[in-house]
Protein backbone atom coordinates (compact mmCIF):
# COMPACT_ATOMS: atom_id res chain seq x y z
CA MET A 1 11.29 50.64 36.02
CA GLU A 2 10.72 53.91 37.82
CA THR A 3 9.27 56.72 35.79
CA GLU A 4 10.45 60.33 36.06
CA LYS A 5 7.30 61.17 38.04
CA GLN A 6 8.26 58.77 40.80
CA HIS A 7 11.62 60.41 41.42
CA ARG A 8 11.82 62.64 44.46
CA GLN A 9 13.40 66.08 44.18
CA TYR A 10 15.93 67.65 46.53
CA PHE A 11 15.67 71.19 47.85
CA LYS A 12 18.85 72.57 46.24
CA VAL A 13 20.99 75.33 47.73
CA LEU A 14 24.23 76.69 46.28
CA THR A 15 26.83 78.39 48.45
CA ILE A 16 29.30 80.74 46.75
CA ALA A 17 31.96 81.38 49.37
CA GLY A 18 35.45 80.74 50.69
CA SER A 19 36.76 77.52 52.20
CA ASP A 20 37.64 77.38 55.90
CA SER A 21 40.29 74.72 56.51
CA GLY A 22 39.23 74.63 60.18
CA GLY A 23 35.69 73.61 59.19
CA GLY A 24 33.80 76.09 61.36
CA ALA A 25 32.86 78.76 58.84
CA GLY A 26 32.67 79.35 55.09
CA ILE A 27 31.82 76.59 52.65
CA GLN A 28 32.14 73.93 55.34
CA ALA A 29 29.66 75.58 57.72
CA ASP A 30 27.31 76.32 54.84
CA LEU A 31 27.14 72.71 53.65
CA LYS A 32 26.69 71.40 57.20
CA THR A 33 23.82 73.84 57.77
CA MET A 34 22.11 73.03 54.49
CA SER A 35 22.34 69.31 55.19
CA ALA A 36 21.03 69.70 58.75
CA MET A 37 18.04 71.63 57.41
CA GLY A 38 17.09 69.02 54.84
CA CYS A 39 18.62 70.49 51.70
CA TYR A 40 21.09 69.33 49.06
CA GLY A 41 24.09 71.66 49.27
CA MET A 42 26.40 72.57 46.38
CA SER A 43 29.44 74.82 46.41
CA VAL A 44 31.35 77.32 44.33
CA ILE A 45 34.65 78.01 46.08
CA THR A 46 35.89 81.57 45.68
CA ALA A 47 38.97 81.42 47.91
CA LEU A 48 41.00 79.00 49.98
CA THR A 49 41.94 80.05 53.49
CA ALA A 50 44.54 78.65 55.84
CA GLN A 51 42.42 79.08 58.96
CA ASN A 52 41.69 77.57 62.36
CA THR A 53 39.96 78.62 65.56
CA VAL A 54 42.68 81.17 66.32
CA GLY A 55 42.97 83.05 63.05
CA VAL A 56 43.57 83.24 59.30
CA THR A 57 47.18 82.80 58.20
CA GLY A 58 46.69 82.84 54.45
CA ILE A 59 44.19 83.49 51.65
CA HIS A 60 44.48 82.13 48.12
CA ALA A 61 41.83 83.55 45.78
CA VAL A 62 40.42 81.31 43.07
CA PRO A 63 40.76 82.83 39.57
CA PRO A 64 37.48 84.57 38.61
CA ALA A 65 37.20 82.61 35.36
CA PHE A 66 37.22 79.35 37.32
CA VAL A 67 34.61 80.68 39.74
CA ALA A 68 32.43 81.38 36.70
CA GLU A 69 33.11 77.87 35.40
CA GLN A 70 32.01 76.35 38.71
CA MET A 71 28.80 78.38 38.63
CA ASP A 72 28.05 77.37 35.05
CA ALA A 73 28.58 73.70 35.94
CA VAL A 74 25.99 73.84 38.73
CA PHE A 75 23.38 76.02 37.05
CA THR A 76 23.38 74.31 33.65
CA ASP A 77 22.89 70.82 35.07
CA ILE A 78 21.49 70.74 38.60
CA GLY A 79 19.99 74.19 39.11
CA THR A 80 19.22 75.86 42.42
CA ASP A 81 16.25 76.72 44.64
CA ALA A 82 18.28 79.26 46.61
CA VAL A 83 21.77 80.77 46.62
CA LYS A 84 23.87 81.91 49.56
CA ILE A 85 26.80 84.26 48.90
CA GLY A 86 29.62 84.61 51.41
CA MET A 87 33.29 85.58 51.12
CA LEU A 88 34.20 86.93 47.67
CA TYR A 89 37.53 88.65 48.45
CA SER A 90 37.94 90.94 45.42
CA ALA A 91 35.94 93.33 43.23
CA GLN A 92 36.72 91.23 40.16
CA LEU A 93 35.28 88.12 41.80
CA ILE A 94 32.19 90.03 42.85
CA GLU A 95 31.56 91.29 39.32
CA VAL A 96 31.93 87.79 37.85
CA VAL A 97 29.56 86.27 40.41
CA ALA A 98 26.95 89.00 39.83
CA GLU A 99 27.14 88.54 36.06
CA ARG A 100 26.66 84.77 36.31
CA LEU A 101 23.78 85.05 38.78
CA LYS A 102 21.97 87.32 36.33
CA ARG A 103 22.83 85.12 33.34
CA HIS A 104 21.38 82.03 35.02
CA GLY A 105 18.34 83.78 36.52
CA ALA A 106 19.17 82.82 40.11
CA ALA A 107 16.40 83.32 42.67
CA ASN A 108 16.18 83.41 46.48
CA ILE A 109 19.60 85.02 46.89
CA VAL A 110 20.94 85.51 50.41
CA LEU A 111 23.94 87.83 50.61
CA ASP A 112 26.21 87.64 53.64
CA PRO A 113 28.74 90.45 53.03
CA VAL A 114 31.66 88.73 54.78
CA MET A 115 34.43 91.19 55.54
CA ILE A 116 36.19 90.18 58.76
CA ALA A 117 36.69 86.76 60.37
CA GLN A 118 35.70 86.10 63.99
CA SER A 119 39.42 86.37 64.81
CA GLY A 120 39.51 89.91 63.41
CA ASP A 121 41.38 88.96 60.25
CA LYS A 122 40.36 90.81 57.09
CA LEU A 123 38.73 88.63 54.42
CA LEU A 124 38.38 90.97 51.46
CA GLN A 125 40.27 93.64 49.59
CA ASP A 126 39.37 97.32 50.01
CA ASP A 127 37.99 97.68 46.47
CA ALA A 128 35.52 94.86 47.12
CA ILE A 129 33.40 96.83 49.61
CA GLN A 130 31.83 99.18 47.08
CA ALA A 131 31.57 96.35 44.56
CA ILE A 132 29.33 94.46 47.00
CA ALA A 133 27.01 97.45 47.26
CA LYS A 134 26.99 98.12 43.51
CA HIS A 135 26.83 94.64 42.00
CA LEU A 136 25.45 92.19 44.57
CA MET A 137 23.03 94.03 46.83
CA PRO A 138 20.63 94.81 43.96
CA LEU A 139 20.39 91.06 43.30
CA ALA A 140 19.79 89.99 46.89
CA ASP A 141 16.45 88.99 48.34
CA VAL A 142 18.05 89.60 51.71
CA ALA A 143 21.44 90.96 52.79
CA THR A 144 22.61 89.93 56.26
CA PRO A 145 25.40 92.23 57.51
CA ASN A 146 26.46 92.29 61.14
CA LEU A 147 26.95 95.69 62.76
CA PRO A 148 30.62 96.15 61.76
CA GLU A 149 29.84 95.17 58.16
CA ALA A 150 26.86 97.54 58.02
CA GLU A 151 29.07 100.31 59.41
CA VAL A 152 31.68 99.71 56.70
CA LEU A 153 29.07 99.67 53.91
CA LEU A 154 27.48 102.90 55.16
CA GLU A 155 30.65 104.55 56.54
CA ARG A 156 28.95 105.48 59.81
CA ARG A 157 28.59 104.23 63.37
CA ILE A 158 25.66 102.09 64.54
CA GLU A 159 25.31 102.11 68.31
CA ASN A 160 21.67 101.32 69.16
CA LEU A 161 18.35 100.09 67.79
CA ASN A 162 17.43 103.49 66.35
CA ASP A 163 20.72 103.52 64.46
CA MET A 164 20.00 100.00 63.19
CA GLN A 165 16.61 101.07 61.85
CA SER A 166 18.11 104.04 60.05
CA ALA A 167 20.93 101.87 58.71
CA ALA A 168 18.50 99.24 57.42
CA THR A 169 16.62 101.74 55.26
CA ALA A 170 19.91 103.18 53.99
CA LEU A 171 21.24 99.72 53.12
CA ALA A 172 18.00 98.89 51.30
CA ASP A 173 18.70 101.87 49.04
CA PHE A 174 21.50 99.79 47.51
CA GLY A 175 18.76 97.59 46.05
CA SER A 176 18.26 94.54 48.27
CA ARG A 177 14.64 93.56 48.77
CA SER A 178 15.21 93.17 52.49
CA ILE A 179 17.92 93.73 55.07
CA LEU A 180 18.73 91.71 58.18
CA ILE A 181 21.11 93.60 60.46
CA LYS A 182 22.58 91.30 63.09
CA GLY A 183 22.91 93.15 66.37
CA GLY A 184 25.05 90.72 68.32
CA HIS A 185 27.81 93.31 68.65
CA LEU A 186 25.59 95.70 70.64
CA ALA A 187 26.57 95.99 74.31
CA GLN A 188 23.42 94.56 75.90
CA ASN A 189 22.29 91.38 77.65
CA LYS A 190 20.29 90.11 74.67
CA SER A 191 20.92 89.67 70.96
CA THR A 192 18.70 91.93 68.85
CA ASP A 193 18.48 91.53 65.08
CA LEU A 194 16.46 93.80 62.82
CA LEU A 195 14.72 92.62 59.65
CA TYR A 196 13.61 95.36 57.25
CA LEU A 197 11.17 94.30 54.52
CA ALA A 198 11.69 97.12 52.04
CA ALA A 199 8.63 96.56 49.84
CA GLU A 200 6.36 96.75 52.89
CA LYS A 201 8.50 99.38 54.62
CA ARG A 202 8.15 97.16 57.70
CA MET A 203 10.65 96.60 60.51
CA VAL A 204 10.65 93.31 62.46
CA ILE A 205 12.63 93.22 65.71
CA LEU A 206 13.96 89.77 66.55
CA ASP A 207 15.23 89.36 70.10
CA ALA A 208 17.04 86.30 71.41
CA PRO A 209 18.88 85.55 74.64
CA ARG A 210 22.62 86.14 74.57
CA ILE A 211 24.34 82.78 75.00
CA ALA A 212 27.64 82.63 76.86
CA SER A 213 29.99 80.68 74.61
CA ARG A 214 33.44 81.08 73.10
CA ASN A 215 32.26 78.85 70.23
CA ASN A 216 30.83 81.47 67.88
CA HIS A 217 33.02 80.93 64.82
CA GLY A 218 30.89 80.78 61.66
CA THR A 219 27.65 82.05 63.17
CA GLY A 220 27.05 84.50 60.31
CA CYS A 221 27.75 81.87 57.65
CA THR A 222 25.45 79.46 59.43
CA LEU A 223 22.57 81.92 59.82
CA SER A 224 22.65 83.04 56.18
CA SER A 225 22.83 79.43 54.97
CA ALA A 226 19.89 78.51 57.20
CA ILE A 227 17.85 81.35 55.68
CA ALA A 228 18.72 80.13 52.18
CA ALA A 229 17.75 76.58 53.12
CA CYS A 230 14.35 77.72 54.40
CA LEU A 231 13.74 79.80 51.26
CA ALA A 232 14.62 76.77 49.13
CA ARG A 233 12.01 74.76 51.04
CA GLY A 234 9.34 77.34 50.22
CA ASP A 235 9.17 79.58 53.29
CA ASP A 236 8.50 83.29 52.90
CA LEU A 237 11.36 85.53 53.97
CA GLU A 238 10.15 86.48 57.45
CA THR A 239 9.39 82.84 58.27
CA ALA A 240 12.77 81.79 56.88
CA VAL A 241 14.58 84.33 59.05
CA ARG A 242 12.67 83.29 62.18
CA LYS A 243 13.41 79.60 61.59
CA ALA A 244 17.06 80.34 60.85
CA LYS A 245 17.33 82.37 64.07
CA SER A 246 15.92 79.45 66.04
CA TYR A 247 18.37 77.06 64.36
CA ILE A 248 21.47 79.18 65.08
CA GLU A 249 20.36 79.77 68.68
CA ASN A 250 20.14 76.02 69.27
CA ALA A 251 23.39 75.39 67.41
CA ILE A 252 25.21 77.90 69.63
CA LYS A 253 23.70 76.42 72.79
CA ALA A 254 24.71 72.89 71.80
CA GLY A 255 28.17 73.97 70.65
CA ALA A 256 28.89 75.73 73.95
CA ARG A 257 29.34 72.32 75.60
CA TYR A 258 32.33 71.43 73.41
CA ARG A 259 35.95 72.51 73.25
CA LEU A 260 37.74 72.51 69.88
CA GLY A 261 41.03 74.26 69.25
CA HIS A 262 42.50 77.15 71.21
CA GLY A 263 40.31 80.01 70.00
CA HIS A 264 36.73 80.51 68.85
CA GLY A 265 35.27 77.06 68.18
CA PRO A 266 32.32 76.24 65.91
CA VAL A 267 28.64 75.95 66.64
CA HIS A 268 27.11 72.46 66.64
CA HIS A 269 25.36 72.22 63.27
CA PHE A 270 23.97 68.73 63.86
CA PHE A 271 22.55 69.27 67.37
CA GLU A 272 19.27 67.59 66.34
CA TYR A 273 21.03 64.35 65.44
CA TRP A 274 23.91 63.84 67.88
């Protein structure tokens, strides 16, 4: 009979996010990413969306008490090595998630402040924006807003790298230990992200080639989940971000060869396997 010592352990990552019925973003993209990167993925679903490659036609929020119940079920039995937070939809949901994360002593928290879908559809209520800053950013090891999300959180325009650097320090004032601003929306021929490590007061510029592809649905969900997976496997934050950037770059490249639906298709999460 096997003893407890002989049992292998999974690297365990929990995603707290909304479901994408089209499979390209949200919970579905998170679990695919975590699996591709060698982790055991678990999920707490905060909202159901009727969604495809063209847009979001409906959102049904999960009652906050049931979100808390899902979190309790995972933390009290399985536990986590990292947590990724995505779409939370309402201030009430955000407050419940923050309370449970603190109660269970969650570590390696990656916050992707999802606000707008790739199609342009809004994914959270207005009162949720300040709740993200107040309740979740102080818990996050890294927050990963794209430029539009950073602009909404700070209520100011971000138009170049200097603006990104200023924005990163301002976002860190909300309490996150580091900030990754994704610069894909900048009008330039490369994709420039900026990682700010607040404790070291150090900026890391991460350039990557801009890949021509209509299949960019779920890129933010995928990147943040990849970071969480690397943290769960023991990488330090800068290493985790660099590995996650490499993963999403390859996933976009591989996904560009496919056609799915009539709008923005997904990246190819399993490019290493098929």
